[in-house]
Amino acid sequence: KNCPFCSRPDPAAEPPLREYGLHELAEKYAPLLEEGISLRRGEGC
């Protein structure tokens, strides 16, 4: 899991995720995504 202490929003993660059906998955499983798309990455701490 991303570290809760140092994880930050990660917009750069979206382009590679599109190859794996990011938006189709987000639409299909919208009830499980209360806050919508929220890509994050731990910076290290």
PDB file of all heavy atoms in Angstrom:
ATOM      1  N   LYS A   1       0.831  -1.203   0.000  1.00  0.00           N
ATOM      2  CA  LYS A   1       0.000   0.000   0.000  1.00  0.00           C
ATOM      3  C   LYS A   1       0.868   1.256   0.000  1.00  0.00           C
ATOM      4  O   LYS A   1       1.965   1.262   0.564  1.00  0.00           O
ATOM      5  CB  LYS A   1      -0.903   0.011   1.243  1.00  0.00           C
ATOM      6  CG  LYS A   1      -1.932  -1.085   1.286  1.00  0.00           C
ATOM      7  CD  LYS A   1      -2.529  -1.236   2.676  1.00  0.00           C
ATOM      8  CE  LYS A   1      -3.243   0.013   3.121  1.00  0.00           C
ATOM      9  NZ  LYS A   1      -3.844  -0.154   4.475  1.00  0.00           N
ATOM     10  N   ASN A   2       0.352   2.305  -0.603  1.00  0.00           N
ATOM     11  CA  ASN A   2       1.033   3.597  -0.529  1.00  0.00           C
ATOM     12  C   ASN A   2       1.182   4.018   0.929  1.00  0.00           C
ATOM     13  O   ASN A   2       0.266   3.825   1.738  1.00  0.00           O
ATOM     14  CB  ASN A   2       0.230   4.672  -1.277  1.00  0.00           C
ATOM     15  CG  ASN A   2       0.389   4.564  -2.782  1.00  0.00           C
ATOM     16  OD1 ASN A   2       1.442   4.149  -3.271  1.00  0.00           O
ATOM     17  ND2 ASN A   2      -0.642   4.930  -3.523  1.00  0.00           N
ATOM     18  N   CYS A   3       2.332   4.578   1.261  1.00  0.00           N
ATOM     19  CA  CYS A   3       2.577   5.042   2.633  1.00  0.00           C
ATOM     20  C   CYS A   3       1.625   6.194   2.958  1.00  0.00           C
ATOM     21  O   CYS A   3       1.576   7.190   2.226  1.00  0.00           O
ATOM     22  CB  CYS A   3       4.023   5.503   2.778  1.00  0.00           C
ATOM     23  SG  CYS A   3       4.383   6.240   4.377  1.00  0.00           S
ATOM     24  N   PRO A   4       0.846   6.099   4.042  1.00  0.00           N
ATOM     25  CA  PRO A   4      -0.094   7.175   4.378  1.00  0.00           C
ATOM     26  C   PRO A   4       0.599   8.450   4.821  1.00  0.00           C
ATOM     27  O   PRO A   4      -0.003   9.521   4.815  1.00  0.00           O
ATOM     28  CB  PRO A   4      -0.916   6.570   5.527  1.00  0.00           C
ATOM     29  CG  PRO A   4      -0.024   5.554   6.153  1.00  0.00           C
ATOM     30  CD  PRO A   4       0.795   4.993   5.025  1.00  0.00           C
ATOM     31  N   PHE A   5       1.879   8.349   5.197  1.00  0.00           N
ATOM     32  CA  PHE A   5       2.600   9.524   5.670  1.00  0.00           C
ATOM     33  C   PHE A   5       3.162  10.375   4.535  1.00  0.00           C
ATOM     34  O   PHE A   5       3.289  11.589   4.676  1.00  0.00           O
ATOM     35  CB  PHE A   5       3.749   9.096   6.594  1.00  0.00           C
ATOM     36  CG  PHE A   5       3.293   8.404   7.839  1.00  0.00           C
ATOM     37  CD1 PHE A   5       3.302   7.023   7.914  1.00  0.00           C
ATOM     38  CD2 PHE A   5       2.844   9.125   8.929  1.00  0.00           C
ATOM     39  CE1 PHE A   5       2.884   6.368   9.064  1.00  0.00           C
ATOM     40  CE2 PHE A   5       2.414   8.488  10.080  1.00  0.00           C
ATOM     41  CZ  PHE A   5       2.431   7.102  10.151  1.00  0.00           C
ATOM     42  N   CYS A   6       3.548   9.734   3.421  1.00  0.00           N
ATOM     43  CA  CYS A   6       4.236  10.507   2.383  1.00  0.00           C
ATOM     44  C   CYS A   6       3.586  10.405   1.000  1.00  0.00           C
ATOM     45  O   CYS A   6       4.145  10.898   0.029  1.00  0.00           O
ATOM     46  CB  CYS A   6       5.704  10.092   2.295  1.00  0.00           C
ATOM     47  SG  CYS A   6       5.965   8.380   1.737  1.00  0.00           S
ATOM     48  N   SER A   7       2.421   9.756   0.897  1.00  0.00           N
ATOM     49  CA  SER A   7       1.811   9.639  -0.437  1.00  0.00           C
ATOM     50  C   SER A   7       1.241  10.992  -0.864  1.00  0.00           C
ATOM     51  O   SER A   7       0.690  11.742  -0.049  1.00  0.00           O
ATOM     52  CB  SER A   7       0.723   8.561  -0.451  1.00  0.00           C
ATOM     53  OG  SER A   7      -0.398   8.961   0.293  1.00  0.00           O
ATOM     54  N   ARG A   8       1.389  11.288  -2.139  1.00  0.00           N
ATOM     55  CA  ARG A   8       0.935  12.558  -2.708  1.00  0.00           C
ATOM     56  C   ARG A   8       0.176  12.271  -4.011  1.00  0.00           C
ATOM     57  O   ARG A   8       0.368  11.209  -4.634  1.00  0.00           O
ATOM     58  CB  ARG A   8       2.128  13.467  -3.022  1.00  0.00           C
ATOM     59  CG  ARG A   8       3.002  13.812  -1.819  1.00  0.00           C
ATOM     60  CD  ARG A   8       2.331  14.803  -0.879  1.00  0.00           C
ATOM     61  NE  ARG A   8       3.222  15.180   0.221  1.00  0.00           N
ATOM     62  CZ  ARG A   8       3.276  14.560   1.389  1.00  0.00           C
ATOM     63  NH1 ARG A   8       2.495  13.497   1.606  1.00  0.00           N
ATOM     64  NH2 ARG A   8       4.092  14.967   2.342  1.00  0.00           N
ATOM     65  N   PRO A   9      -0.671  13.208  -4.469  1.00  0.00           N
ATOM     66  CA  PRO A   9      -1.333  13.020  -5.771  1.00  0.00           C
ATOM     67  C   PRO A   9      -0.319  12.792  -6.878  1.00  0.00           C
ATOM     68  O   PRO A   9       0.773  13.387  -6.875  1.00  0.00           O
ATOM     69  CB  PRO A   9      -2.089  14.344  -5.969  1.00  0.00           C
ATOM     70  CG  PRO A   9      -2.336  14.842  -4.575  1.00  0.00           C
ATOM     71  CD  PRO A   9      -1.120  14.430  -3.782  1.00  0.00           C
ATOM     72  N   ASP A  10      -0.665  11.899  -7.828  1.00  0.00           N
ATOM     73  CA  ASP A  10       0.283  11.503  -8.877  1.00  0.00           C
ATOM     74  C   ASP A  10      -0.399  11.551 -10.250  1.00  0.00           C
ATOM     75  O   ASP A  10      -0.753  10.519 -10.817  1.00  0.00           O
ATOM     76  CB  ASP A  10       0.799  10.094  -8.578  1.00  0.00           C
ATOM     77  CG  ASP A  10       1.870   9.648  -9.563  1.00  0.00           C
ATOM     78  OD1 ASP A  10       2.542  10.525 -10.138  1.00  0.00           O
ATOM     79  OD2 ASP A  10       2.016   8.430  -9.766  1.00  0.00           O
ATOM     80  N   PRO A  11      -0.577  12.758 -10.821  1.00  0.00           N
ATOM     81  CA  PRO A  11      -1.237  12.886 -12.127  1.00  0.00           C
ATOM     82  C   PRO A  11      -0.500  12.130 -13.230  1.00  0.00           C
ATOM     83  O   PRO A  11      -1.112  11.685 -14.203  1.00  0.00           O
ATOM     84  CB  PRO A  11      -1.216  14.397 -12.394  1.00  0.00           C
ATOM     85  CG  PRO A  11      -0.972  15.035 -11.059  1.00  0.00           C
ATOM     86  CD  PRO A  11      -0.166  14.058 -10.275  1.00  0.00           C
ATOM     87  N   ALA A  12       0.828  11.968 -13.098  1.00  0.00           N
ATOM     88  CA  ALA A  12       1.611  11.298 -14.138  1.00  0.00           C
ATOM     89  C   ALA A  12       1.262   9.826 -14.269  1.00  0.00           C
ATOM     90  O   ALA A  12       1.641   9.177 -15.248  1.00  0.00           O
ATOM     91  CB  ALA A  12       3.102  11.444 -13.831  1.00  0.00           C
ATOM     92  N   ALA A  13       0.524   9.284 -13.311  1.00  0.00           N
ATOM     93  CA  ALA A  13       0.173   7.858 -13.363  1.00  0.00           C
ATOM     94  C   ALA A  13      -0.984   7.577 -14.316  1.00  0.00           C
ATOM     95  O   ALA A  13      -1.220   6.425 -14.682  1.00  0.00           O
ATOM     96  CB  ALA A  13      -0.208   7.363 -11.964  1.00  0.00           C
ATOM     97  N   GLU A  14      -1.697   8.630 -14.726  1.00  0.00           N
ATOM     98  CA  GLU A  14      -2.895   8.391 -15.537  1.00  0.00           C
ATOM     99  C   GLU A  14      -2.618   7.854 -16.943  1.00  0.00           C
ATOM    100  O   GLU A  14      -3.264   6.894 -17.372  1.00  0.00           O
ATOM    101  CB  GLU A  14      -3.738   9.674 -15.633  1.00  0.00           C
ATOM    102  CG  GLU A  14      -5.046   9.436 -16.385  1.00  0.00           C
ATOM    103  CD  GLU A  14      -6.017  10.600 -16.272  1.00  0.00           C
ATOM    104  OE1 GLU A  14      -5.851  11.436 -15.375  1.00  0.00           O
ATOM    105  OE2 GLU A  14      -6.946  10.648 -17.099  1.00  0.00           O
ATOM    106  N   PRO A  15      -1.662   8.419 -17.723  1.00  0.00           N
ATOM    107  CA  PRO A  15      -1.454   7.915 -19.096  1.00  0.00           C
ATOM    108  C   PRO A  15      -1.201   6.415 -19.182  1.00  0.00           C
ATOM    109  O   PRO A  15      -1.865   5.727 -19.978  1.00  0.00           O
ATOM    110  CB  PRO A  15      -0.249   8.740 -19.580  1.00  0.00           C
ATOM    111  CG  PRO A  15      -0.336  10.011 -18.805  1.00  0.00           C
ATOM    112  CD  PRO A  15      -0.837   9.623 -17.456  1.00  0.00           C
ATOM    113  N   PRO A  16      -0.271   5.818 -18.400  1.00  0.00           N
ATOM    114  CA  PRO A  16      -0.083   4.364 -18.512  1.00  0.00           C
ATOM    115  C   PRO A  16      -1.305   3.572 -18.075  1.00  0.00           C
ATOM    116  O   PRO A  16      -1.548   2.463 -18.568  1.00  0.00           O
ATOM    117  CB  PRO A  16       1.114   4.079 -17.596  1.00  0.00           C
ATOM    118  CG  PRO A  16       1.253   5.260 -16.712  1.00  0.00           C
ATOM    119  CD  PRO A  16       0.731   6.415 -17.483  1.00  0.00           C
ATOM    120  N   LEU A  17      -2.106   4.140 -17.159  1.00  0.00           N
ATOM    121  CA  LEU A  17      -3.306   3.424 -16.695  1.00  0.00           C
ATOM    122  C   LEU A  17      -4.385   3.342 -17.771  1.00  0.00           C
ATOM    123  O   LEU A  17      -5.215   2.443 -17.756  1.00  0.00           O
ATOM    124  CB  LEU A  17      -3.870   4.104 -15.443  1.00  0.00           C
ATOM    125  CG  LEU A  17      -3.246   3.665 -14.110  1.00  0.00           C
ATOM    126  CD1 LEU A  17      -3.626   4.629 -13.004  1.00  0.00           C
ATOM    127  CD2 LEU A  17      -3.693   2.257 -13.752  1.00  0.00           C
ATOM    128  N   ARG A  18      -4.357   4.298 -18.706  1.00  0.00           N
ATOM    129  CA  ARG A  18      -5.359   4.267 -19.787  1.00  0.00           C
ATOM    130  C   ARG A  18      -5.234   2.994 -20.614  1.00  0.00           C
ATOM    131  O   ARG A  18      -6.214   2.468 -21.120  1.00  0.00           O
ATOM    132  CB  ARG A  18      -5.184   5.492 -20.696  1.00  0.00           C
ATOM    133  CG  ARG A  18      -5.582   6.804 -20.043  1.00  0.00           C
ATOM    134  CD  ARG A  18      -5.511   7.946 -21.044  1.00  0.00           C
ATOM    135  NE  ARG A  18      -5.503   9.233 -20.358  1.00  0.00           N
ATOM    136  CZ  ARG A  18      -4.705  10.236 -20.651  1.00  0.00           C
ATOM    137  NH1 ARG A  18      -3.811  10.086 -21.640  1.00  0.00           N
ATOM    138  NH2 ARG A  18      -4.755  11.363 -20.009  1.00  0.00           N
ATOM    139  N   GLU A  19      -3.990   2.485 -20.744  1.00  0.00           N
ATOM    140  CA  GLU A  19      -3.775   1.245 -21.506  1.00  0.00           C
ATOM    141  C   GLU A  19      -4.466   0.051 -20.849  1.00  0.00           C
ATOM    142  O   GLU A  19      -4.724  -0.961 -21.490  1.00  0.00           O
ATOM    143  CB  GLU A  19      -2.280   0.954 -21.630  1.00  0.00           C
ATOM    144  CG  GLU A  19      -1.499   2.020 -22.375  1.00  0.00           C
ATOM    145  CD  GLU A  19      -0.018   1.690 -22.426  1.00  0.00           C
ATOM    146  OE1 GLU A  19       0.315   0.483 -22.348  1.00  0.00           O
ATOM    147  OE2 GLU A  19       0.797   2.617 -22.533  1.00  0.00           O
ATOM    148  N   TYR A  20      -4.744   0.172 -19.567  1.00  0.00           N
ATOM    149  CA  TYR A  20      -5.388  -0.928 -18.834  1.00  0.00           C
ATOM    150  C   TYR A  20      -6.861  -0.627 -18.552  1.00  0.00           C
ATOM    151  O   TYR A  20      -7.455  -1.193 -17.640  1.00  0.00           O
ATOM    152  CB  TYR A  20      -4.638  -1.183 -17.527  1.00  0.00           C
ATOM    153  CG  TYR A  20      -3.232  -1.670 -17.754  1.00  0.00           C
ATOM    154  CD1 TYR A  20      -2.162  -0.777 -17.774  1.00  0.00           C
ATOM    155  CD2 TYR A  20      -2.959  -3.018 -17.990  1.00  0.00           C
ATOM    156  CE1 TYR A  20      -0.864  -1.214 -18.011  1.00  0.00           C
ATOM    157  CE2 TYR A  20      -1.673  -3.461 -18.227  1.00  0.00           C
ATOM    158  CZ  TYR A  20      -0.634  -2.553 -18.230  1.00  0.00           C
ATOM    159  OH  TYR A  20       0.641  -2.993 -18.460  1.00  0.00           O
ATOM    160  N   GLY A  21      -7.453   0.284 -19.334  1.00  0.00           N
ATOM    161  CA  GLY A  21      -8.890   0.546 -19.232  1.00  0.00           C
ATOM    162  C   GLY A  21      -9.290   1.343 -18.014  1.00  0.00           C
ATOM    163  O   GLY A  21     -10.305   1.046 -17.377  1.00  0.00           O
ATOM    164  N   LEU A  22      -8.471   2.372 -17.678  1.00  0.00           N
ATOM    165  CA  LEU A  22      -8.726   3.170 -16.479  1.00  0.00           C
ATOM    166  C   LEU A  22     -10.163   3.695 -16.424  1.00  0.00           C
ATOM    167  O   LEU A  22     -10.893   3.445 -15.461  1.00  0.00           O
ATOM    168  CB  LEU A  22      -7.735   4.338 -16.425  1.00  0.00           C
ATOM    169  CG  LEU A  22      -8.038   5.454 -15.415  1.00  0.00           C
ATOM    170  CD1 LEU A  22      -7.959   4.922 -14.001  1.00  0.00           C
ATOM    171  CD2 LEU A  22      -7.077   6.622 -15.589  1.00  0.00           C
ATOM    172  N   HIS A  23     -10.576   4.412 -17.444  1.00  0.00           N
ATOM    173  CA  HIS A  23     -11.879   5.083 -17.402  1.00  0.00           C
ATOM    174  C   HIS A  23     -13.032   4.092 -17.532  1.00  0.00           C
ATOM    175  O   HIS A  23     -14.091   4.282 -16.921  1.00  0.00           O
ATOM    176  CB  HIS A  23     -11.941   6.165 -18.480  1.00  0.00           C
ATOM    177  CG  HIS A  23     -10.956   7.276 -18.249  1.00  0.00           C
ATOM    178  ND1 HIS A  23     -11.085   8.188 -17.224  1.00  0.00           N
ATOM    179  CD2 HIS A  23      -9.793   7.589 -18.888  1.00  0.00           C
ATOM    180  CE1 HIS A  23     -10.056   9.028 -17.243  1.00  0.00           C
ATOM    181  NE2 HIS A  23      -9.262   8.687 -18.247  1.00  0.00           N
ATOM    182  N   GLU A  24     -12.825   3.032 -18.313  1.00  0.00           N
ATOM    183  CA  GLU A  24     -13.876   1.998 -18.414  1.00  0.00           C
ATOM    184  C   GLU A  24     -14.093   1.328 -17.053  1.00  0.00           C
ATOM    185  O   GLU A  24     -15.239   1.091 -16.641  1.00  0.00           O
ATOM    186  CB  GLU A  24     -13.476   0.939 -19.446  1.00  0.00           C
ATOM    187  CG  GLU A  24     -13.431   1.428 -20.891  1.00  0.00           C
ATOM    188  CD  GLU A  24     -12.124   2.137 -21.251  1.00  0.00           C
ATOM    189  OE1 GLU A  24     -11.280   2.347 -20.356  1.00  0.00           O
ATOM    190  OE2 GLU A  24     -11.966   2.489 -22.431  1.00  0.00           O
ATOM    191  N   LEU A  25     -12.992   1.033 -16.368  1.00  0.00           N
ATOM    192  CA  LEU A  25     -13.109   0.431 -15.032  1.00  0.00           C
ATOM    193  C   LEU A  25     -13.772   1.388 -14.055  1.00  0.00           C
ATOM    194  O   LEU A  25     -14.620   0.985 -13.250  1.00  0.00           O
ATOM    195  CB  LEU A  25     -11.728   0.052 -14.511  1.00  0.00           C
ATOM    196  CG  LEU A  25     -11.189  -1.326 -14.881  1.00  0.00           C
ATOM    197  CD1 LEU A  25      -9.736  -1.451 -14.430  1.00  0.00           C
ATOM    198  CD2 LEU A  25     -12.011  -2.413 -14.224  1.00  0.00           C
ATOM    199  N   ALA A  26     -13.362   2.658 -14.107  1.00  0.00           N
ATOM    200  CA  ALA A  26     -13.926   3.653 -13.195  1.00  0.00           C
ATOM    201  C   ALA A  26     -15.433   3.795 -13.407  1.00  0.00           C
ATOM    202  O   ALA A  26     -16.195   3.951 -12.452  1.00  0.00           O
ATOM    203  CB  ALA A  26     -13.231   4.997 -13.392  1.00  0.00           C
ATOM    204  N   GLU A  27     -15.843   3.709 -14.666  1.00  0.00           N
ATOM    205  CA  GLU A  27     -17.281   3.810 -14.966  1.00  0.00           C
ATOM    206  C   GLU A  27     -18.025   2.549 -14.526  1.00  0.00           C
ATOM    207  O   GLU A  27     -19.096   2.609 -13.922  1.00  0.00           O
ATOM    208  CB  GLU A  27     -17.466   4.031 -16.475  1.00  0.00           C
ATOM    209  CG  GLU A  27     -18.912   4.247 -16.868  1.00  0.00           C
ATOM    210  CD  GLU A  27     -19.060   4.498 -18.360  1.00  0.00           C
ATOM    211  OE1 GLU A  27     -18.038   4.773 -19.027  1.00  0.00           O
ATOM    212  OE2 GLU A  27     -20.190   4.393 -18.861  1.00  0.00           O
ATOM    213  N   LYS A  28     -17.422   1.391 -14.801  1.00  0.00           N
ATOM    214  CA  LYS A  28     -18.071   0.114 -14.472  1.00  0.00           C
ATOM    215  C   LYS A  28     -18.237  -0.056 -12.966  1.00  0.00           C
ATOM    216  O   LYS A  28     -19.257  -0.581 -12.497  1.00  0.00           O
ATOM    217  CB  LYS A  28     -17.230  -1.037 -15.035  1.00  0.00           C
ATOM    218  CG  LYS A  28     -17.834  -2.418 -14.811  1.00  0.00           C
ATOM    219  CD  LYS A  28     -16.961  -3.501 -15.449  1.00  0.00           C
ATOM    220  CE  LYS A  28     -17.530  -4.893 -15.209  1.00  0.00           C
ATOM    221  NZ  LYS A  28     -16.671  -5.944 -15.825  1.00  0.00           N
ATOM    222  N   TYR A  29     -17.231   0.388 -12.209  1.00  0.00           N
ATOM    223  CA  TYR A  29     -17.264   0.183 -10.754  1.00  0.00           C
ATOM    224  C   TYR A  29     -17.438   1.500 -10.008  1.00  0.00           C
ATOM    225  O   TYR A  29     -16.908   1.675  -8.904  1.00  0.00           O
ATOM    226  CB  TYR A  29     -15.984  -0.524 -10.301  1.00  0.00           C
ATOM    227  CG  TYR A  29     -15.848  -1.907 -10.875  1.00  0.00           C
ATOM    228  CD1 TYR A  29     -14.904  -2.179 -11.870  1.00  0.00           C
ATOM    229  CD2 TYR A  29     -16.673  -2.947 -10.454  1.00  0.00           C
ATOM    230  CE1 TYR A  29     -14.784  -3.454 -12.416  1.00  0.00           C
ATOM    231  CE2 TYR A  29     -16.559  -4.212 -11.005  1.00  0.00           C
ATOM    232  CZ  TYR A  29     -15.613  -4.462 -11.974  1.00  0.00           C
ATOM    233  OH  TYR A  29     -15.498  -5.725 -12.514  1.00  0.00           O
ATOM    234  N   ALA A  30     -18.198   2.416 -10.596  1.00  0.00           N
ATOM    235  CA  ALA A  30     -18.433   3.723  -9.963  1.00  0.00           C
ATOM    236  C   ALA A  30     -18.952   3.614  -8.530  1.00  0.00           C
ATOM    237  O   ALA A  30     -18.540   4.392  -7.664  1.00  0.00           O
ATOM    238  CB  ALA A  30     -19.395   4.548 -10.818  1.00  0.00           C
ATOM    239  N   PRO A  31     -19.857   2.648  -8.215  1.00  0.00           N
ATOM    240  CA  PRO A  31     -20.335   2.548  -6.821  1.00  0.00           C
ATOM    241  C   PRO A  31     -19.231   2.264  -5.811  1.00  0.00           C
ATOM    242  O   PRO A  31     -19.392   2.547  -4.622  1.00  0.00           O
ATOM    243  CB  PRO A  31     -21.333   1.376  -6.879  1.00  0.00           C
ATOM    244  CG  PRO A  31     -21.771   1.307  -8.306  1.00  0.00           C
ATOM    245  CD  PRO A  31     -20.570   1.700  -9.102  1.00  0.00           C
ATOM    246  N   LEU A  32     -18.089   1.692  -6.277  1.00  0.00           N
ATOM    247  CA  LEU A  32     -16.990   1.384  -5.368  1.00  0.00           C
ATOM    248  C   LEU A  32     -15.970   2.521  -5.285  1.00  0.00           C
ATOM    249  O   LEU A  32     -14.988   2.421  -4.566  1.00  0.00           O
ATOM    250  CB  LEU A  32     -16.267   0.110  -5.828  1.00  0.00           C
ATOM    251  CG  LEU A  32     -17.122  -1.163  -5.915  1.00  0.00           C
ATOM    252  CD1 LEU A  32     -16.305  -2.304  -6.500  1.00  0.00           C
ATOM    253  CD2 LEU A  32     -17.660  -1.543  -4.539  1.00  0.00           C
ATOM    254  N   LEU A  33     -16.225   3.598  -6.047  1.00  0.00           N
ATOM    255  CA  LEU A  33     -15.285   4.732  -6.098  1.00  0.00           C
ATOM    256  C   LEU A  33     -15.991   5.993  -5.635  1.00  0.00           C
ATOM    257  O   LEU A  33     -16.352   6.862  -6.437  1.00  0.00           O
ATOM    258  CB  LEU A  33     -14.743   4.917  -7.522  1.00  0.00           C
ATOM    259  CG  LEU A  33     -13.981   3.728  -8.118  1.00  0.00           C
ATOM    260  CD1 LEU A  33     -13.718   3.943  -9.601  1.00  0.00           C
ATOM    261  CD2 LEU A  33     -12.670   3.508  -7.372  1.00  0.00           C
ATOM    262  N   GLU A  34     -16.194   6.108  -4.341  1.00  0.00           N
ATOM    263  CA  GLU A  34     -16.951   7.232  -3.794  1.00  0.00           C
ATOM    264  C   GLU A  34     -16.297   8.575  -4.106  1.00  0.00           C
ATOM    265  O   GLU A  34     -16.984   9.576  -4.314  1.00  0.00           O
ATOM    266  CB  GLU A  34     -17.093   7.069  -2.277  1.00  0.00           C
ATOM    267  CG  GLU A  34     -17.926   5.851  -1.877  1.00  0.00           C
ATOM    268  CD  GLU A  34     -17.999   5.688  -0.375  1.00  0.00           C
ATOM    269  OE1 GLU A  34     -17.423   6.529   0.347  1.00  0.00           O
ATOM    270  OE2 GLU A  34     -18.630   4.718   0.079  1.00  0.00           O
ATOM    271  N   GLU A  35     -14.973   8.614  -4.119  1.00  0.00           N
ATOM    272  CA  GLU A  35     -14.260   9.880  -4.357  1.00  0.00           C
ATOM    273  C   GLU A  35     -13.741   9.997  -5.786  1.00  0.00           C
ATOM    274  O   GLU A  35     -12.908  10.846  -6.088  1.00  0.00           O
ATOM    275  CB  GLU A  35     -13.100  10.016  -3.363  1.00  0.00           C
ATOM    276  CG  GLU A  35     -13.569  10.054  -1.920  1.00  0.00           C
ATOM    277  CD  GLU A  35     -12.418  10.210  -0.944  1.00  0.00           C
ATOM    278  OE1 GLU A  35     -11.282  10.482  -1.402  1.00  0.00           O
ATOM    279  OE2 GLU A  35     -12.655  10.068   0.264  1.00  0.00           O
ATOM    280  N   GLY A  36     -14.222   9.142  -6.669  1.00  0.00           N
ATOM    281  CA  GLY A  36     -13.781   9.197  -8.054  1.00  0.00           C
ATOM    282  C   GLY A  36     -12.354   8.719  -8.216  1.00  0.00           C
ATOM    283  O   GLY A  36     -11.833   7.967  -7.401  1.00  0.00           O
ATOM    284  N   ILE A  37     -11.693   9.179  -9.290  1.00  0.00           N
ATOM    285  CA  ILE A  37     -10.304   8.780  -9.554  1.00  0.00           C
ATOM    286  C   ILE A  37      -9.363   9.590  -8.675  1.00  0.00           C
ATOM    287  O   ILE A  37      -9.384  10.821  -8.687  1.00  0.00           O
ATOM    288  CB  ILE A  37      -9.969   8.978 -11.045  1.00  0.00           C
ATOM    289  CG1 ILE A  37     -10.838   8.061 -11.911  1.00  0.00           C
ATOM    290  CG2 ILE A  37      -8.487   8.712 -11.303  1.00  0.00           C
ATOM    291  CD1 ILE A  37     -10.655   8.256 -13.398  1.00  0.00           C
ATOM    292  N   SER A  38      -8.535   8.907  -7.890  1.00  0.00           N
ATOM    293  CA  SER A  38      -7.592   9.570  -6.978  1.00  0.00           C
ATOM    294  C   SER A  38      -6.264   8.817  -7.021  1.00  0.00           C
ATOM    295  O   SER A  38      -6.015   7.921  -6.222  1.00  0.00           O
ATOM    296  CB  SER A  38      -8.157   9.580  -5.551  1.00  0.00           C
ATOM    297  OG  SER A  38      -7.211  10.110  -4.648  1.00  0.00           O
ATOM    298  N   LEU A  39      -5.409   9.173  -7.975  1.00  0.00           N
ATOM    299  CA  LEU A  39      -4.125   8.483  -8.146  1.00  0.00           C
ATOM    300  C   LEU A  39      -3.089   9.085  -7.208  1.00  0.00           C
ATOM    301  O   LEU A  39      -2.918  10.303  -7.149  1.00  0.00           O
ATOM    302  CB  LEU A  39      -3.661   8.606  -9.605  1.00  0.00           C
ATOM    303  CG  LEU A  39      -4.674   8.146 -10.656  1.00  0.00           C
ATOM    304  CD1 LEU A  39      -4.125   8.376 -12.055  1.00  0.00           C
ATOM    305  CD2 LEU A  39      -5.024   6.687 -10.451  1.00  0.00           C
ATOM    306  N   ARG A  40      -2.378   8.219  -6.473  1.00  0.00           N
ATOM    307  CA  ARG A  40      -1.397   8.687  -5.496  1.00  0.00           C
ATOM    308  C   ARG A  40      -0.135   7.834  -5.559  1.00  0.00           C
ATOM    309  O   ARG A  40      -0.151   6.717  -6.075  1.00  0.00           O
ATOM    310  CB  ARG A  40      -1.979   8.654  -4.071  1.00  0.00           C
ATOM    311  CG  ARG A  40      -3.191   9.552  -3.884  1.00  0.00           C
ATOM    312  CD  ARG A  40      -3.707   9.488  -2.463  1.00  0.00           C
ATOM    313  NE  ARG A  40      -2.827  10.146  -1.512  1.00  0.00           N
ATOM    314  CZ  ARG A  40      -2.802  11.444  -1.267  1.00  0.00           C
ATOM    315  NH1 ARG A  40      -3.633  12.250  -1.915  1.00  0.00           N
ATOM    316  NH2 ARG A  40      -1.974  11.962  -0.388  1.00  0.00           N
ATOM    317  N   ARG A  41       0.937   8.359  -5.009  1.00  0.00           N
ATOM    318  CA  ARG A  41       2.217   7.645  -4.954  1.00  0.00           C
ATOM    319  C   ARG A  41       2.993   8.116  -3.724  1.00  0.00           C
ATOM    320  O   ARG A  41       3.029   9.302  -3.422  1.00  0.00           O
ATOM    321  CB  ARG A  41       3.035   7.914  -6.216  1.00  0.00           C
ATOM    322  CG  ARG A  41       4.402   7.215  -6.241  1.00  0.00           C
ATOM    323  CD  ARG A  41       5.157   7.557  -7.511  1.00  0.00           C
ATOM    324  NE  ARG A  41       4.443   7.104  -8.687  1.00  0.00           N
ATOM    325  CZ  ARG A  41       4.535   5.880  -9.189  1.00  0.00           C
ATOM    326  NH1 ARG A  41       5.336   4.992  -8.612  1.00  0.00           N
ATOM    327  NH2 ARG A  41       3.852   5.526 -10.252  1.00  0.00           N
ATOM    328  N   GLY A  42       3.612   7.152  -3.010  1.00  0.00           N
ATOM    329  CA  GLY A  42       4.440   7.500  -1.866  1.00  0.00           C
ATOM    330  C   GLY A  42       5.778   8.057  -2.325  1.00  0.00           C
ATOM    331  O   GLY A  42       6.412   7.502  -3.225  1.00  0.00           O
ATOM    332  N   GLU A  43       6.225   9.152  -1.700  1.00  0.00           N
ATOM    333  CA  GLU A  43       7.487   9.786  -2.085  1.00  0.00           C
ATOM    334  C   GLU A  43       8.685   9.162  -1.368  1.00  0.00           C
ATOM    335  O   GLU A  43       9.820   9.325  -1.795  1.00  0.00           O
ATOM    336  CB  GLU A  43       7.427  11.285  -1.787  1.00  0.00           C
ATOM    337  CG  GLU A  43       6.381  12.027  -2.629  1.00  0.00           C
ATOM    338  CD  GLU A  43       6.329  13.500  -2.299  1.00  0.00           C
ATOM    339  OE1 GLU A  43       6.799  13.886  -1.201  1.00  0.00           O
ATOM    340  OE2 GLU A  43       5.831  14.277  -3.134  1.00  0.00           O
ATOM    341  N   GLY A  44       8.426   8.482  -0.249  1.00  0.00           N
ATOM    342  CA  GLY A  44       9.513   7.927   0.560  1.00  0.00           C
ATOM    343  C   GLY A  44       9.759   8.779   1.783  1.00  0.00           C
ATOM    344  O   GLY A  44       9.917   9.998   1.669  1.00  0.00           O
ATOM    345  N   CYS A  45       9.759   8.151   2.965  1.00  0.00           N
ATOM    346  CA  CYS A  45       9.970   8.885   4.212  1.00  0.00           C
ATOM    347  C   CYS A  45      10.498   7.899   5.259  1.00  0.00           C
ATOM    348  O   CYS A  45      10.525   6.684   5.013  1.00  0.00           O
ATOM    349  CB  CYS A  45       8.670   9.540   4.696  1.00  0.00           C
ATOM    350  SG  CYS A  45       7.403   8.354   5.238  1.00  0.00           S
TER     351      CYS A  45
END
